[in-house]
Amino acid sequence: MDWTPLLDEISGRLSGGTVPEGVQTEEQFERQFVQPIVEDCVASKHHLATHPWTKPEMTKPYTAEHQKKIRIWRECKAWANVTTWGMRHTLDMFIRDETSKECIAVEMKMCKVKTGKLPTGEFQRMIGQSVLFLAGENHKAVVSIFGVRGISEPPVDKKMTAFLRSVGIWPVVRRVP
């Protein structure tokens, strides 16, 4: 299956979309910005698994929709995880083609610039996690989005973006207001 059109759509919309004001945490970044864009791009074309966001303070019983998200997230562990060196790895979202059983993943990190320099360690961690998933037999590509608070606009590295795409990683670096 050719995932390129969907990968281009997701990464393009994440690159150009407006990150909501007031996003303070990685969970908020995922729930308020990334997840709605990915859900809209995927629509009903493929199977999408996202965090169910179960919180202790949520009132039980959960809604039918929330119970479905919990079930889908648990079921995706059978086909979406990658085990390396005895460790099990899971990314943030998975999109699966039900015919070919191939999937792509979405991984995100969000950091705050504290010393005026970009947080290279967290960026490298995100790319490293993406590489692990490309090594898995079912993962054909990963959209890796890195949100950064505390800078005006992150620089774009066209050469590195082209290289990462050539190995299956669609990187997006975004300013978070």
N, C-alpha and C. Protein backbone atom coordinates (compact mmCIF):
# COMPACT_ATOMS: atom_id res chain seq x y z
N MET A 1 0.84 -1.18 0.00
CA MET A 1 0.00 0.00 0.00
C MET A 1 0.89 1.24 0.00
N ASP A 2 0.48 2.24 -0.75
CA ASP A 2 1.22 3.51 -0.79
C ASP A 2 0.62 4.47 0.24
N TRP A 3 1.35 4.68 1.31
CA TRP A 3 0.90 5.56 2.39
C TRP A 3 1.26 7.03 2.15
N THR A 4 2.04 7.31 1.10
CA THR A 4 2.57 8.66 0.89
C THR A 4 1.49 9.75 0.89
N PRO A 5 0.37 9.59 0.18
CA PRO A 5 -0.63 10.67 0.21
C PRO A 5 -1.16 10.97 1.62
N LEU A 6 -1.42 9.94 2.41
CA LEU A 6 -1.91 10.16 3.77
C LEU A 6 -0.82 10.77 4.65
N LEU A 7 0.42 10.28 4.53
CA LEU A 7 1.53 10.84 5.30
C LEU A 7 1.74 12.32 4.96
N ASP A 8 1.67 12.64 3.67
CA ASP A 8 1.82 14.05 3.25
C ASP A 8 0.68 14.91 3.79
N GLU A 9 -0.55 14.36 3.77
CA GLU A 9 -1.69 15.13 4.28
C GLU A 9 -1.56 15.38 5.78
N ILE A 10 -1.25 14.32 6.53
CA ILE A 10 -1.13 14.48 7.98
C ILE A 10 0.01 15.44 8.33
N SER A 11 1.20 15.22 7.76
CA SER A 11 2.33 16.08 8.10
C SER A 11 2.11 17.51 7.62
N GLY A 12 1.47 17.68 6.47
CA GLY A 12 1.18 19.02 5.97
C GLY A 12 0.21 19.77 6.86
N ARG A 13 -0.83 19.09 7.31
CA ARG A 13 -1.80 19.75 8.18
C ARG A 13 -1.22 20.01 9.57
N LEU A 14 -0.38 19.12 10.06
CA LEU A 14 0.27 19.37 11.34
C LEU A 14 1.25 20.53 11.23
N SER A 15 1.92 20.65 10.09
CA SER A 15 2.87 21.76 9.88
C SER A 15 2.16 23.10 9.77
N GLY A 16 0.98 23.11 9.17
CA GLY A 16 0.29 24.37 8.91
C GLY A 16 -0.85 24.69 9.85
N GLY A 17 -1.29 23.73 10.65
CA GLY A 17 -2.43 23.95 11.54
C GLY A 17 -2.09 24.89 12.68
N THR A 18 -3.12 25.41 13.32
CA THR A 18 -2.95 26.33 14.44
C THR A 18 -2.99 25.55 15.74
N VAL A 19 -1.90 25.61 16.48
CA VAL A 19 -1.85 24.97 17.80
C VAL A 19 -2.67 25.86 18.74
N PRO A 20 -3.65 25.28 19.45
CA PRO A 20 -4.49 26.09 20.34
C PRO A 20 -3.68 26.79 21.43
N GLU A 21 -4.13 27.96 21.81
CA GLU A 21 -3.53 28.68 22.94
C GLU A 21 -3.76 27.89 24.21
N GLY A 22 -2.85 27.99 25.14
CA GLY A 22 -3.03 27.37 26.44
C GLY A 22 -2.57 25.93 26.55
N VAL A 23 -2.02 25.35 25.47
CA VAL A 23 -1.51 23.99 25.54
C VAL A 23 -0.25 24.00 26.40
N GLN A 24 -0.28 23.24 27.50
CA GLN A 24 0.83 23.24 28.44
C GLN A 24 1.55 21.90 28.53
N THR A 25 0.85 20.81 28.20
CA THR A 25 1.42 19.48 28.39
C THR A 25 1.40 18.69 27.08
N GLU A 26 2.18 17.61 27.07
CA GLU A 26 2.19 16.74 25.88
C GLU A 26 0.81 16.13 25.65
N GLU A 27 0.12 15.77 26.72
CA GLU A 27 -1.23 15.20 26.57
C GLU A 27 -2.17 16.22 25.92
N GLN A 28 -2.12 17.46 26.36
CA GLN A 28 -2.96 18.50 25.76
C GLN A 28 -2.58 18.72 24.29
N PHE A 29 -1.29 18.70 24.00
CA PHE A 29 -0.81 18.86 22.63
C PHE A 29 -1.39 17.76 21.75
N GLU A 30 -1.35 16.53 22.25
CA GLU A 30 -1.89 15.40 21.49
C GLU A 30 -3.41 15.49 21.34
N ARG A 31 -4.11 15.71 22.45
CA ARG A 31 -5.58 15.69 22.44
C ARG A 31 -6.19 16.88 21.70
N GLN A 32 -5.61 18.06 21.87
CA GLN A 32 -6.23 19.27 21.33
C GLN A 32 -5.74 19.63 19.93
N PHE A 33 -4.55 19.18 19.56
CA PHE A 33 -4.00 19.56 18.25
C PHE A 33 -3.78 18.36 17.33
N VAL A 34 -2.97 17.41 17.74
CA VAL A 34 -2.57 16.32 16.86
C VAL A 34 -3.72 15.36 16.56
N GLN A 35 -4.37 14.86 17.59
CA GLN A 35 -5.40 13.84 17.39
C GLN A 35 -6.55 14.30 16.49
N PRO A 36 -7.11 15.50 16.67
CA PRO A 36 -8.19 15.91 15.77
C PRO A 36 -7.77 15.97 14.29
N ILE A 37 -6.54 16.40 14.04
CA ILE A 37 -6.06 16.46 12.65
C ILE A 37 -5.92 15.05 12.09
N VAL A 38 -5.30 14.16 12.84
CA VAL A 38 -5.12 12.78 12.36
C VAL A 38 -6.47 12.11 12.15
N GLU A 39 -7.39 12.28 13.10
CA GLU A 39 -8.73 11.68 12.95
C GLU A 39 -9.41 12.19 11.69
N ASP A 40 -9.30 13.48 11.42
CA ASP A 40 -9.92 14.05 10.23
C ASP A 40 -9.28 13.53 8.94
N CYS A 41 -7.96 13.40 8.94
CA CYS A 41 -7.26 12.90 7.75
C CYS A 41 -7.59 11.43 7.48
N VAL A 42 -7.68 10.65 8.53
CA VAL A 42 -7.94 9.21 8.38
C VAL A 42 -9.41 8.97 8.05
N ALA A 43 -10.30 9.77 8.66
CA ALA A 43 -11.75 9.61 8.51
C ALA A 43 -12.12 8.14 8.67
N SER A 44 -12.79 7.59 7.72
CA SER A 44 -13.20 6.18 7.84
C SER A 44 -12.40 5.28 6.90
N LYS A 45 -11.30 5.82 6.34
CA LYS A 45 -10.52 5.06 5.36
C LYS A 45 -9.73 3.92 5.98
N HIS A 46 -9.31 4.09 7.23
CA HIS A 46 -8.45 3.11 7.88
C HIS A 46 -8.84 2.96 9.35
N HIS A 47 -8.28 1.98 9.99
CA HIS A 47 -8.47 1.73 11.42
C HIS A 47 -7.52 2.65 12.19
N LEU A 48 -8.02 3.40 13.15
CA LEU A 48 -7.21 4.33 13.93
C LEU A 48 -7.28 3.95 15.40
N ALA A 49 -6.13 3.80 16.03
CA ALA A 49 -6.06 3.53 17.48
C ALA A 49 -5.34 4.70 18.14
N THR A 50 -5.98 5.29 19.15
CA THR A 50 -5.41 6.41 19.90
C THR A 50 -5.55 6.11 21.39
N HIS A 51 -4.83 6.88 22.20
CA HIS A 51 -4.98 6.73 23.65
C HIS A 51 -6.44 6.92 24.04
N PRO A 52 -6.95 6.09 24.94
CA PRO A 52 -8.33 6.27 25.39
C PRO A 52 -8.47 7.37 26.45
N TRP A 53 -7.35 7.83 27.02
CA TRP A 53 -7.33 8.91 28.00
C TRP A 53 -8.21 8.62 29.20
N THR A 54 -8.07 7.47 29.78
CA THR A 54 -8.79 7.13 30.99
C THR A 54 -8.11 7.83 32.16
N LYS A 55 -8.88 8.56 32.90
CA LYS A 55 -8.36 9.27 34.07
C LYS A 55 -9.10 8.81 35.32
N PRO A 56 -8.43 8.73 36.45
CA PRO A 56 -9.10 8.29 37.68
C PRO A 56 -10.31 9.14 38.04
N GLU A 57 -10.26 10.42 37.68
CA GLU A 57 -11.36 11.30 38.06
C GLU A 57 -12.58 11.18 37.13
N MET A 58 -12.47 10.39 36.06
CA MET A 58 -13.60 10.21 35.15
C MET A 58 -14.70 9.42 35.85
N THR A 59 -15.93 9.82 35.60
CA THR A 59 -17.06 9.13 36.20
C THR A 59 -17.31 7.82 35.49
N LYS A 60 -17.46 6.76 36.23
CA LYS A 60 -17.81 5.47 35.66
C LYS A 60 -19.30 5.28 35.85
N PRO A 61 -20.01 4.58 35.00
CA PRO A 61 -19.49 3.85 33.86
C PRO A 61 -19.13 4.80 32.71
N TYR A 62 -18.14 4.37 31.93
CA TYR A 62 -17.72 5.17 30.79
C TYR A 62 -18.79 5.14 29.72
N THR A 63 -18.77 6.14 28.86
CA THR A 63 -19.70 6.16 27.73
C THR A 63 -19.37 5.02 26.78
N ALA A 64 -20.31 4.65 25.94
CA ALA A 64 -20.07 3.58 24.96
C ALA A 64 -18.91 3.94 24.04
N GLU A 65 -18.81 5.21 23.65
CA GLU A 65 -17.71 5.65 22.77
C GLU A 65 -16.37 5.50 23.48
N HIS A 66 -16.31 5.85 24.76
CA HIS A 66 -15.07 5.74 25.50
C HIS A 66 -14.70 4.27 25.70
N GLN A 67 -15.67 3.43 25.99
CA GLN A 67 -15.40 2.00 26.13
C GLN A 67 -14.86 1.42 24.83
N LYS A 68 -15.37 1.89 23.68
CA LYS A 68 -14.88 1.43 22.38
C LYS A 68 -13.41 1.84 22.19
N LYS A 69 -13.07 3.08 22.57
CA LYS A 69 -11.68 3.55 22.44
C LYS A 69 -10.74 2.71 23.31
N ILE A 70 -11.18 2.38 24.51
CA ILE A 70 -10.37 1.55 25.40
C ILE A 70 -10.14 0.18 24.76
N ARG A 71 -11.20 -0.42 24.22
CA ARG A 71 -11.09 -1.73 23.59
C ARG A 71 -10.16 -1.69 22.38
N ILE A 72 -10.31 -0.69 21.53
CA ILE A 72 -9.47 -0.57 20.33
C ILE A 72 -8.00 -0.39 20.73
N TRP A 73 -7.73 0.44 21.75
CA TRP A 73 -6.35 0.67 22.19
C TRP A 73 -5.75 -0.63 22.72
N ARG A 74 -6.51 -1.37 23.51
CA ARG A 74 -6.00 -2.65 24.04
C ARG A 74 -5.75 -3.65 22.91
N GLU A 75 -6.68 -3.72 21.95
CA GLU A 75 -6.53 -4.66 20.84
C GLU A 75 -5.34 -4.30 19.95
N CYS A 76 -5.04 -3.03 19.81
CA CYS A 76 -3.93 -2.63 18.93
C CYS A 76 -2.59 -3.10 19.45
N LYS A 77 -2.50 -3.39 20.75
CA LYS A 77 -1.24 -3.85 21.32
C LYS A 77 -0.75 -5.13 20.64
N ALA A 78 -1.68 -5.94 20.16
CA ALA A 78 -1.30 -7.20 19.51
C ALA A 78 -0.59 -6.98 18.18
N TRP A 79 -0.93 -5.91 17.47
CA TRP A 79 -0.32 -5.69 16.16
C TRP A 79 0.52 -4.42 16.06
N ALA A 80 0.45 -3.56 17.06
CA ALA A 80 1.12 -2.27 16.93
C ALA A 80 2.41 -2.15 17.74
N ASN A 81 2.59 -2.95 18.75
CA ASN A 81 3.80 -2.87 19.57
C ASN A 81 5.01 -3.43 18.84
N VAL A 82 6.17 -2.97 19.24
CA VAL A 82 7.43 -3.53 18.76
C VAL A 82 8.22 -3.92 20.00
N THR A 83 8.73 -5.13 20.00
CA THR A 83 9.56 -5.60 21.12
C THR A 83 11.00 -5.69 20.65
N THR A 84 11.89 -5.00 21.36
CA THR A 84 13.32 -5.06 21.07
C THR A 84 14.07 -5.20 22.38
N TRP A 85 15.10 -6.04 22.39
CA TRP A 85 15.92 -6.28 23.57
C TRP A 85 15.06 -6.57 24.80
N GLY A 86 13.95 -7.25 24.59
CA GLY A 86 13.09 -7.63 25.69
C GLY A 86 12.20 -6.52 26.20
N MET A 87 12.24 -5.35 25.55
CA MET A 87 11.40 -4.22 25.97
C MET A 87 10.29 -4.02 24.95
N ARG A 88 9.11 -3.70 25.45
CA ARG A 88 7.96 -3.48 24.58
C ARG A 88 7.74 -1.98 24.38
N HIS A 89 7.57 -1.57 23.13
CA HIS A 89 7.45 -0.15 22.80
C HIS A 89 6.10 0.12 22.14
N THR A 90 5.49 1.23 22.53
CA THR A 90 4.23 1.66 21.94
C THR A 90 4.34 3.15 21.63
N LEU A 91 3.89 3.54 20.45
CA LEU A 91 3.85 4.96 20.11
C LEU A 91 2.48 5.51 20.43
N ASP A 92 2.20 6.76 20.01
CA ASP A 92 0.99 7.46 20.45
C ASP A 92 -0.27 7.12 19.64
N MET A 93 -0.13 6.90 18.35
CA MET A 93 -1.28 6.58 17.50
C MET A 93 -0.85 5.61 16.42
N PHE A 94 -1.82 4.80 15.99
CA PHE A 94 -1.56 3.84 14.92
C PHE A 94 -2.70 3.88 13.91
N ILE A 95 -2.33 3.87 12.65
CA ILE A 95 -3.29 3.83 11.55
C ILE A 95 -3.01 2.54 10.79
N ARG A 96 -4.05 1.72 10.64
CA ARG A 96 -3.86 0.40 10.04
C ARG A 96 -4.79 0.20 8.85
N ASP A 97 -4.22 -0.31 7.78
CA ASP A 97 -5.02 -0.70 6.63
C ASP A 97 -5.50 -2.13 6.88
N GLU A 98 -6.80 -2.32 6.93
CA GLU A 98 -7.34 -3.63 7.30
C GLU A 98 -7.13 -4.68 6.21
N THR A 99 -6.94 -4.26 4.97
CA THR A 99 -6.71 -5.23 3.90
C THR A 99 -5.28 -5.77 3.94
N SER A 100 -4.31 -4.86 3.94
CA SER A 100 -2.90 -5.28 3.90
C SER A 100 -2.33 -5.57 5.29
N LYS A 101 -3.00 -5.09 6.33
CA LYS A 101 -2.55 -5.20 7.73
C LYS A 101 -1.30 -4.36 8.00
N GLU A 102 -0.89 -3.55 7.04
CA GLU A 102 0.23 -2.63 7.26
C GLU A 102 -0.25 -1.47 8.11
N CYS A 103 0.69 -0.85 8.81
CA CYS A 103 0.28 0.33 9.57
C CYS A 103 1.39 1.38 9.58
N ILE A 104 0.94 2.57 9.89
CA ILE A 104 1.86 3.68 10.13
C ILE A 104 1.58 4.16 11.55
N ALA A 105 2.52 4.86 12.11
CA ALA A 105 2.39 5.32 13.49
C ALA A 105 2.57 6.83 13.55
N VAL A 106 2.09 7.41 14.63
CA VAL A 106 2.30 8.83 14.92
C VAL A 106 2.92 8.89 16.30
N GLU A 107 4.05 9.58 16.41
CA GLU A 107 4.72 9.78 17.69
C GLU A 107 4.87 11.27 17.92
N MET A 108 4.66 11.69 19.15
CA MET A 108 4.81 13.12 19.45
C MET A 108 5.52 13.34 20.76
N LYS A 109 6.21 14.44 20.80
CA LYS A 109 6.85 14.90 22.02
C LYS A 109 6.61 16.40 22.09
N MET A 110 6.57 16.92 23.30
CA MET A 110 6.46 18.36 23.49
C MET A 110 7.42 18.76 24.59
N CYS A 111 8.20 19.79 24.34
CA CYS A 111 9.18 20.27 25.32
C CYS A 111 9.13 21.78 25.40
N LYS A 112 9.68 22.28 26.46
CA LYS A 112 9.80 23.72 26.63
C LYS A 112 11.27 24.09 26.61
N VAL A 113 11.59 25.14 25.86
CA VAL A 113 12.96 25.65 25.82
C VAL A 113 13.19 26.40 27.13
N LYS A 114 14.22 25.99 27.87
CA LYS A 114 14.49 26.61 29.17
C LYS A 114 15.73 27.48 29.15
N THR A 115 16.71 27.11 28.35
CA THR A 115 17.98 27.83 28.35
C THR A 115 18.20 28.62 27.08
N GLY A 116 17.17 28.73 26.24
CA GLY A 116 17.32 29.42 24.97
C GLY A 116 17.76 28.51 23.85
N LYS A 117 18.05 27.25 24.17
CA LYS A 117 18.48 26.29 23.15
C LYS A 117 17.40 25.23 22.97
N LEU A 118 17.29 24.73 21.75
CA LEU A 118 16.34 23.66 21.49
C LEU A 118 16.73 22.40 22.25
N PRO A 119 15.74 21.66 22.76
CA PRO A 119 16.02 20.45 23.55
C PRO A 119 16.37 19.26 22.67
N THR A 120 17.64 19.11 22.35
CA THR A 120 18.06 18.07 21.42
C THR A 120 17.82 16.66 21.94
N GLY A 121 17.95 16.44 23.23
CA GLY A 121 17.76 15.11 23.79
C GLY A 121 16.38 14.56 23.53
N GLU A 122 15.35 15.36 23.75
CA GLU A 122 13.97 14.91 23.53
C GLU A 122 13.70 14.69 22.04
N PHE A 123 14.26 15.54 21.20
CA PHE A 123 14.08 15.36 19.75
C PHE A 123 14.72 14.05 19.31
N GLN A 124 15.94 13.79 19.79
CA GLN A 124 16.63 12.56 19.43
C GLN A 124 15.87 11.34 19.95
N ARG A 125 15.29 11.45 21.12
CA ARG A 125 14.49 10.35 21.67
C ARG A 125 13.30 10.04 20.77
N MET A 126 12.62 11.08 20.30
CA MET A 126 11.47 10.90 19.42
C MET A 126 11.89 10.21 18.12
N ILE A 127 12.97 10.66 17.51
CA ILE A 127 13.44 10.06 16.26
C ILE A 127 13.87 8.62 16.52
N GLY A 128 14.54 8.37 17.64
CA GLY A 128 14.95 7.01 17.99
C GLY A 128 13.76 6.08 18.14
N GLN A 129 12.71 6.54 18.80
CA GLN A 129 11.50 5.73 18.93
C GLN A 129 10.90 5.45 17.56
N SER A 130 10.93 6.42 16.69
CA SER A 130 10.39 6.24 15.34
C SER A 130 11.17 5.17 14.58
N VAL A 131 12.50 5.18 14.72
CA VAL A 131 13.34 4.18 14.06
C VAL A 131 13.00 2.78 14.55
N LEU A 132 12.78 2.62 15.86
CA LEU A 132 12.41 1.31 16.39
C LEU A 132 11.16 0.77 15.70
N PHE A 133 10.20 1.65 15.45
CA PHE A 133 8.96 1.19 14.83
C PHE A 133 9.12 0.88 13.36
N LEU A 134 10.02 1.55 12.70
CA LEU A 134 10.28 1.22 11.30
C LEU A 134 10.94 -0.15 11.19
N ALA A 135 11.64 -0.55 12.23
CA ALA A 135 12.28 -1.86 12.23
C ALA A 135 11.25 -2.98 12.39
N GLY A 136 10.08 -2.65 12.93
CA GLY A 136 9.02 -3.65 13.06
C GLY A 136 8.47 -3.99 11.69
N GLU A 137 8.03 -5.20 11.53
CA GLU A 137 7.64 -5.66 10.19
C GLU A 137 6.35 -5.06 9.66
N ASN A 138 5.48 -4.55 10.51
CA ASN A 138 4.20 -4.01 10.03
C ASN A 138 4.18 -2.50 9.86
N HIS A 139 5.18 -1.80 10.37
CA HIS A 139 5.16 -0.34 10.35
C HIS A 139 5.91 0.18 9.13
N LYS A 140 5.19 0.86 8.27
CA LYS A 140 5.77 1.33 7.01
C LYS A 140 6.31 2.76 7.11
N ALA A 141 5.80 3.52 8.06
CA ALA A 141 6.26 4.91 8.22
C ALA A 141 5.80 5.43 9.57
N VAL A 142 6.43 6.53 10.00
CA VAL A 142 6.06 7.18 11.25
C VAL A 142 6.02 8.69 11.01
N VAL A 143 4.93 9.33 11.44
CA VAL A 143 4.88 10.78 11.49
C VAL A 143 5.35 11.16 12.88
N SER A 144 6.44 11.91 12.97
CA SER A 144 7.02 12.32 14.25
C SER A 144 6.84 13.81 14.41
N ILE A 145 6.00 14.22 15.36
CA ILE A 145 5.76 15.65 15.57
C ILE A 145 6.34 16.08 16.91
N PHE A 146 7.11 17.16 16.82
CA PHE A 146 7.82 17.69 17.98
C PHE A 146 7.32 19.10 18.24
N GLY A 147 6.61 19.29 19.35
CA GLY A 147 6.12 20.62 19.72
C GLY A 147 7.08 21.27 20.69
N VAL A 148 7.38 22.54 20.45
CA VAL A 148 8.35 23.26 21.29
C VAL A 148 7.73 24.55 21.78
N ARG A 149 7.72 24.72 23.10
CA ARG A 149 7.26 25.97 23.71
C ARG A 149 8.49 26.81 24.05
N GLY A 150 8.34 28.14 23.97
CA GLY A 150 9.41 29.02 24.41
C GLY A 150 10.32 29.52 23.29
N ILE A 151 9.93 29.31 22.04
CA ILE A 151 10.70 29.84 20.91
C ILE A 151 9.73 30.51 19.95
N SER A 152 10.27 31.37 19.10
CA SER A 152 9.40 32.06 18.14
C SER A 152 8.93 31.11 17.04
N GLU A 153 9.83 30.54 16.30
CA GLU A 153 9.48 29.56 15.26
C GLU A 153 10.67 28.65 15.05
N PRO A 154 10.48 27.35 15.15
CA PRO A 154 11.62 26.45 14.99
C PRO A 154 12.15 26.48 13.57
N PRO A 155 13.45 26.33 13.42
CA PRO A 155 14.03 26.31 12.08
C PRO A 155 13.64 25.04 11.33
N VAL A 156 13.62 25.11 10.02
CA VAL A 156 13.33 23.96 9.18
C VAL A 156 14.63 23.47 8.58
N ASP A 157 14.91 22.20 8.70
CA ASP A 157 16.11 21.60 8.13
C ASP A 157 15.68 20.74 6.96
N LYS A 158 15.69 21.33 5.77
CA LYS A 158 15.17 20.64 4.58
C LYS A 158 15.99 19.40 4.23
N LYS A 159 17.30 19.47 4.41
CA LYS A 159 18.15 18.33 4.08
C LYS A 159 17.84 17.14 5.00
N MET A 160 17.74 17.39 6.31
CA MET A 160 17.44 16.31 7.26
C MET A 160 16.01 15.81 7.07
N THR A 161 15.07 16.71 6.78
CA THR A 161 13.70 16.28 6.52
C THR A 161 13.65 15.33 5.34
N ALA A 162 14.36 15.66 4.26
CA ALA A 162 14.39 14.80 3.08
C ALA A 162 15.01 13.44 3.41
N PHE A 163 16.09 13.45 4.19
CA PHE A 163 16.72 12.18 4.56
C PHE A 163 15.77 11.33 5.41
N LEU A 164 15.17 11.93 6.44
CA LEU A 164 14.28 11.17 7.32
C LEU A 164 13.10 10.59 6.53
N ARG A 165 12.56 11.38 5.61
CA ARG A 165 11.46 10.86 4.78
C ARG A 165 11.93 9.69 3.92
N SER A 166 13.16 9.72 3.48
CA SER A 166 13.67 8.63 2.63
C SER A 166 13.74 7.31 3.40
N VAL A 167 13.82 7.37 4.74
CA VAL A 167 13.85 6.15 5.54
C VAL A 167 12.50 5.87 6.22
N GLY A 168 11.49 6.71 5.95
CA GLY A 168 10.14 6.44 6.45
C GLY A 168 9.67 7.27 7.62
N ILE A 169 10.39 8.34 7.95
CA ILE A 169 9.98 9.21 9.06
C ILE A 169 9.57 10.57 8.49
N TRP A 170 8.34 10.98 8.76
CA TRP A 170 7.84 12.28 8.32
C TRP A 170 7.93 13.22 9.53
N PRO A 171 9.02 14.02 9.63
CA PRO A 171 9.17 14.88 10.82
C PRO A 171 8.41 16.21 10.67
N VAL A 172 7.86 16.64 11.80
CA VAL A 172 7.21 17.94 11.88
C VAL A 172 7.68 18.58 13.18
N VAL A 173 8.22 19.80 13.12
CA VAL A 173 8.62 20.54 14.30
C VAL A 173 7.75 21.78 14.36
N ARG A 174 7.03 21.97 15.48
CA ARG A 174 6.06 23.04 15.61
C ARG A 174 6.29 23.88 16.85
N ARG A 175 6.05 25.15 16.72
CA ARG A 175 6.03 26.06 17.87
C ARG A 175 4.69 25.87 18.56
N VAL A 176 4.74 25.78 19.89
CA VAL A 176 3.53 25.70 20.69
C VAL A 176 3.45 27.02 21.45
N PRO A 177 2.37 27.80 21.24
CA PRO A 177 2.29 29.13 21.90
C PRO A 177 2.21 29.06 23.42
